[in-house]
Amino acid sequence: MTSPIKPLADRVVAVREEAQTKTASGIFLPDNAKEKPVLAKVVAVGPKVADLKVGDKIVYKEYSTTELKIDGVEYLIVKEEDVLATV
């Protein structure tokens, strides 16, 4: 997937992973019980990003993102310092 957004400086553009619809024991979750996942796939990186690359799956701080919806796809813009880990 290519991104229509070109991140600047130390920002990355990512697409949030889908929320789980079923628990490990097989119970289906209703929409209002699902939490927003904090796992996303990186689709673009800024020129000053050192440790991430396109295709990485990241864990990020939940309330430190900018959300943007373009052509029905919801993108997240995250500072590199707000990325907690790669998976």
N, C-alpha and C. Protein backbone atom coordinates (compact mmCIF):
# COMPACT_ATOMS: atom_id res chain seq x y z
N MET A 1 0.85 -1.17 0.00
CA MET A 1 0.00 0.00 0.00
C MET A 1 0.89 1.23 0.00
N THR A 2 0.63 2.15 -0.89
CA THR A 2 1.37 3.41 -0.91
C THR A 2 0.52 4.48 -0.25
N SER A 3 1.17 5.47 0.28
CA SER A 3 0.48 6.51 1.02
C SER A 3 0.40 7.79 0.18
N PRO A 4 -0.76 8.44 0.14
CA PRO A 4 -0.86 9.73 -0.52
C PRO A 4 -0.28 10.86 0.34
N ILE A 5 0.17 10.51 1.54
CA ILE A 5 0.70 11.48 2.49
C ILE A 5 2.22 11.32 2.55
N LYS A 6 2.94 12.43 2.40
CA LYS A 6 4.40 12.40 2.52
C LYS A 6 4.77 13.01 3.87
N PRO A 7 5.22 12.21 4.83
CA PRO A 7 5.53 12.73 6.16
C PRO A 7 6.81 13.58 6.14
N LEU A 8 6.84 14.56 7.02
CA LEU A 8 8.00 15.42 7.15
C LEU A 8 8.76 15.09 8.42
N ALA A 9 10.02 15.45 8.45
CA ALA A 9 10.90 15.33 9.62
C ALA A 9 10.86 13.92 10.21
N ASP A 10 10.50 13.82 11.50
CA ASP A 10 10.55 12.53 12.21
C ASP A 10 9.17 11.89 12.35
N ARG A 11 8.31 12.09 11.37
CA ARG A 11 6.96 11.53 11.40
C ARG A 11 6.88 10.27 10.56
N VAL A 12 5.95 9.38 10.93
CA VAL A 12 5.64 8.21 10.12
C VAL A 12 4.14 8.20 9.85
N VAL A 13 3.76 7.66 8.72
CA VAL A 13 2.35 7.47 8.37
C VAL A 13 2.07 5.99 8.49
N ALA A 14 1.00 5.64 9.19
CA ALA A 14 0.67 4.24 9.42
C ALA A 14 -0.83 4.03 9.23
N VAL A 15 -1.20 2.78 9.04
CA VAL A 15 -2.61 2.39 8.94
C VAL A 15 -2.89 1.45 10.10
N ARG A 16 -3.91 1.78 10.89
CA ARG A 16 -4.27 1.00 12.08
C ARG A 16 -4.70 -0.41 11.68
N GLU A 17 -4.27 -1.38 12.47
CA GLU A 17 -4.69 -2.77 12.28
C GLU A 17 -6.15 -2.91 12.73
N GLU A 18 -6.84 -3.88 12.18
CA GLU A 18 -8.24 -4.11 12.54
C GLU A 18 -8.35 -4.60 13.98
N ALA A 19 -9.40 -4.17 14.64
CA ALA A 19 -9.66 -4.62 16.01
C ALA A 19 -10.10 -6.08 15.99
N GLN A 20 -9.76 -6.81 17.03
CA GLN A 20 -10.16 -8.22 17.14
C GLN A 20 -11.67 -8.31 17.30
N THR A 21 -12.29 -9.21 16.54
CA THR A 21 -13.74 -9.40 16.65
C THR A 21 -14.09 -10.61 17.50
N LYS A 22 -13.05 -11.38 17.86
CA LYS A 22 -13.28 -12.59 18.63
C LYS A 22 -12.16 -12.75 19.64
N THR A 23 -12.51 -13.19 20.83
CA THR A 23 -11.50 -13.43 21.86
C THR A 23 -10.79 -14.75 21.60
N ALA A 24 -9.72 -15.01 22.35
CA ALA A 24 -8.98 -16.25 22.18
C ALA A 24 -9.83 -17.47 22.50
N SER A 25 -10.82 -17.31 23.37
CA SER A 25 -11.68 -18.44 23.72
C SER A 25 -12.86 -18.60 22.77
N GLY A 26 -12.96 -17.71 21.76
CA GLY A 26 -13.99 -17.87 20.74
C GLY A 26 -15.23 -17.02 20.93
N ILE A 27 -15.24 -16.12 21.90
CA ILE A 27 -16.41 -15.25 22.12
C ILE A 27 -16.33 -14.07 21.17
N PHE A 28 -17.43 -13.80 20.45
CA PHE A 28 -17.47 -12.66 19.54
C PHE A 28 -17.78 -11.39 20.32
N LEU A 29 -17.05 -10.32 19.98
CA LEU A 29 -17.22 -9.05 20.68
C LEU A 29 -18.14 -8.12 19.89
N PRO A 30 -19.08 -7.45 20.57
CA PRO A 30 -19.90 -6.45 19.89
C PRO A 30 -19.06 -5.21 19.60
N ASP A 31 -19.50 -4.38 18.65
CA ASP A 31 -18.74 -3.20 18.25
C ASP A 31 -18.42 -2.26 19.40
N ASN A 32 -19.35 -2.08 20.32
CA ASN A 32 -19.10 -1.13 21.41
C ASN A 32 -18.13 -1.67 22.45
N ALA A 33 -17.80 -2.96 22.42
CA ALA A 33 -16.86 -3.54 23.38
C ALA A 33 -15.43 -3.56 22.85
N LYS A 34 -15.27 -3.26 21.57
CA LYS A 34 -13.93 -3.30 20.98
C LYS A 34 -13.16 -2.04 21.35
N GLU A 35 -11.89 -2.21 21.67
CA GLU A 35 -11.02 -1.08 21.93
C GLU A 35 -10.30 -0.72 20.64
N LYS A 36 -9.93 0.56 20.52
CA LYS A 36 -9.12 0.94 19.39
C LYS A 36 -7.76 0.29 19.55
N PRO A 37 -7.30 -0.43 18.54
CA PRO A 37 -6.00 -1.06 18.68
C PRO A 37 -4.88 -0.03 18.62
N VAL A 38 -3.78 -0.32 19.25
CA VAL A 38 -2.62 0.56 19.22
C VAL A 38 -1.51 -0.07 18.39
N LEU A 39 -1.92 -0.88 17.43
CA LEU A 39 -1.00 -1.56 16.53
C LEU A 39 -1.29 -1.07 15.12
N ALA A 40 -0.24 -0.68 14.39
CA ALA A 40 -0.43 -0.17 13.04
C ALA A 40 0.72 -0.60 12.15
N LYS A 41 0.49 -0.52 10.83
CA LYS A 41 1.51 -0.86 9.85
C LYS A 41 2.01 0.43 9.21
N VAL A 42 3.32 0.61 9.17
CA VAL A 42 3.93 1.82 8.61
C VAL A 42 3.84 1.77 7.09
N VAL A 43 3.32 2.86 6.49
CA VAL A 43 3.22 2.93 5.03
C VAL A 43 4.11 4.02 4.43
N ALA A 44 4.63 4.94 5.26
CA ALA A 44 5.56 5.97 4.79
C ALA A 44 6.36 6.49 5.98
N VAL A 45 7.60 6.89 5.72
CA VAL A 45 8.45 7.45 6.78
C VAL A 45 9.05 8.77 6.32
N GLY A 46 9.25 9.67 7.28
CA GLY A 46 9.87 10.96 7.00
C GLY A 46 11.37 10.82 6.85
N PRO A 47 12.04 11.86 6.33
CA PRO A 47 13.47 11.79 6.07
C PRO A 47 14.35 11.69 7.32
N LYS A 48 13.86 12.10 8.48
CA LYS A 48 14.67 12.07 9.69
C LYS A 48 14.36 10.87 10.59
N VAL A 49 13.57 9.93 10.10
CA VAL A 49 13.25 8.73 10.88
C VAL A 49 14.41 7.75 10.77
N ALA A 50 14.94 7.34 11.91
CA ALA A 50 16.14 6.50 11.92
C ALA A 50 15.84 5.01 12.08
N ASP A 51 14.89 4.65 12.93
CA ASP A 51 14.74 3.25 13.33
C ASP A 51 13.56 2.51 12.70
N LEU A 52 12.77 3.16 11.87
CA LEU A 52 11.59 2.52 11.29
C LEU A 52 11.67 2.52 9.78
N LYS A 53 10.98 1.55 9.17
CA LYS A 53 10.91 1.49 7.71
C LYS A 53 9.51 1.08 7.29
N VAL A 54 9.20 1.29 6.03
CA VAL A 54 7.89 0.92 5.49
C VAL A 54 7.69 -0.59 5.67
N GLY A 55 6.52 -0.97 6.15
CA GLY A 55 6.20 -2.37 6.36
C GLY A 55 6.31 -2.81 7.81
N ASP A 56 6.98 -2.02 8.66
CA ASP A 56 7.08 -2.35 10.08
C ASP A 56 5.71 -2.27 10.74
N LYS A 57 5.47 -3.15 11.69
CA LYS A 57 4.28 -3.05 12.53
C LYS A 57 4.72 -2.39 13.82
N ILE A 58 3.99 -1.37 14.24
CA ILE A 58 4.40 -0.58 15.40
C ILE A 58 3.32 -0.55 16.48
N VAL A 59 3.76 -0.34 17.70
CA VAL A 59 2.89 -0.06 18.84
C VAL A 59 3.15 1.40 19.17
N TYR A 60 2.08 2.19 19.30
CA TYR A 60 2.23 3.63 19.49
C TYR A 60 1.40 4.12 20.66
N LYS A 61 1.71 5.32 21.14
CA LYS A 61 0.92 5.94 22.20
C LYS A 61 -0.44 6.28 21.61
N GLU A 62 -1.49 5.84 22.29
CA GLU A 62 -2.85 5.93 21.74
C GLU A 62 -3.31 7.36 21.46
N TYR A 63 -3.02 8.30 22.33
CA TYR A 63 -3.57 9.64 22.19
C TYR A 63 -2.58 10.64 21.62
N SER A 64 -1.54 10.17 20.96
CA SER A 64 -0.53 11.09 20.44
C SER A 64 -0.48 11.07 18.91
N THR A 65 -1.57 10.70 18.26
CA THR A 65 -1.57 10.61 16.80
C THR A 65 -2.48 11.67 16.19
N THR A 66 -2.25 11.92 14.92
CA THR A 66 -3.15 12.74 14.12
C THR A 66 -3.81 11.79 13.13
N GLU A 67 -5.14 11.78 13.10
CA GLU A 67 -5.87 10.87 12.22
C GLU A 67 -6.37 11.63 11.01
N LEU A 68 -6.25 10.99 9.85
CA LEU A 68 -6.63 11.60 8.59
C LEU A 68 -7.29 10.53 7.73
N LYS A 69 -8.45 10.84 7.14
CA LYS A 69 -9.14 9.88 6.30
C LYS A 69 -9.10 10.37 4.86
N ILE A 70 -8.47 9.57 3.99
CA ILE A 70 -8.34 9.92 2.57
C ILE A 70 -8.80 8.72 1.75
N ASP A 71 -9.75 8.94 0.85
CA ASP A 71 -10.29 7.89 -0.02
C ASP A 71 -10.74 6.66 0.75
N GLY A 72 -11.36 6.88 1.92
CA GLY A 72 -11.91 5.79 2.71
C GLY A 72 -10.89 5.04 3.56
N VAL A 73 -9.62 5.44 3.51
CA VAL A 73 -8.59 4.80 4.32
C VAL A 73 -8.20 5.76 5.45
N GLU A 74 -8.16 5.24 6.67
CA GLU A 74 -7.82 6.06 7.83
C GLU A 74 -6.33 5.94 8.11
N TYR A 75 -5.61 7.05 7.95
CA TYR A 75 -4.17 7.09 8.18
C TYR A 75 -3.88 7.73 9.54
N LEU A 76 -2.78 7.33 10.13
CA LEU A 76 -2.30 7.92 11.37
C LEU A 76 -0.96 8.56 11.09
N ILE A 77 -0.75 9.76 11.62
CA ILE A 77 0.56 10.39 11.56
C ILE A 77 1.10 10.40 12.98
N VAL A 78 2.26 9.77 13.16
CA VAL A 78 2.84 9.56 14.49
C VAL A 78 4.28 10.06 14.49
N LYS A 79 4.67 10.76 15.56
CA LYS A 79 6.07 11.13 15.74
C LYS A 79 6.86 9.86 16.05
N GLU A 80 8.10 9.81 15.60
CA GLU A 80 8.92 8.63 15.87
C GLU A 80 9.08 8.42 17.38
N GLU A 81 9.17 9.49 18.16
CA GLU A 81 9.34 9.33 19.60
C GLU A 81 8.09 8.76 20.29
N ASP A 82 6.94 8.81 19.64
CA ASP A 82 5.71 8.26 20.21
C ASP A 82 5.49 6.79 19.83
N VAL A 83 6.40 6.24 19.04
CA VAL A 83 6.36 4.82 18.73
C VAL A 83 7.05 4.09 19.88
N LEU A 84 6.33 3.17 20.49
CA LEU A 84 6.85 2.46 21.66
C LEU A 84 7.66 1.22 21.32
N ALA A 85 7.26 0.52 20.24
CA ALA A 85 7.93 -0.73 19.89
C ALA A 85 7.55 -1.15 18.47
N THR A 86 8.34 -2.07 17.92
CA THR A 86 7.95 -2.73 16.68
C THR A 86 7.59 -4.17 17.01
N VAL A 87 6.73 -4.74 16.21
CA VAL A 87 6.27 -6.10 16.45
C VAL A 87 6.74 -6.98 15.31
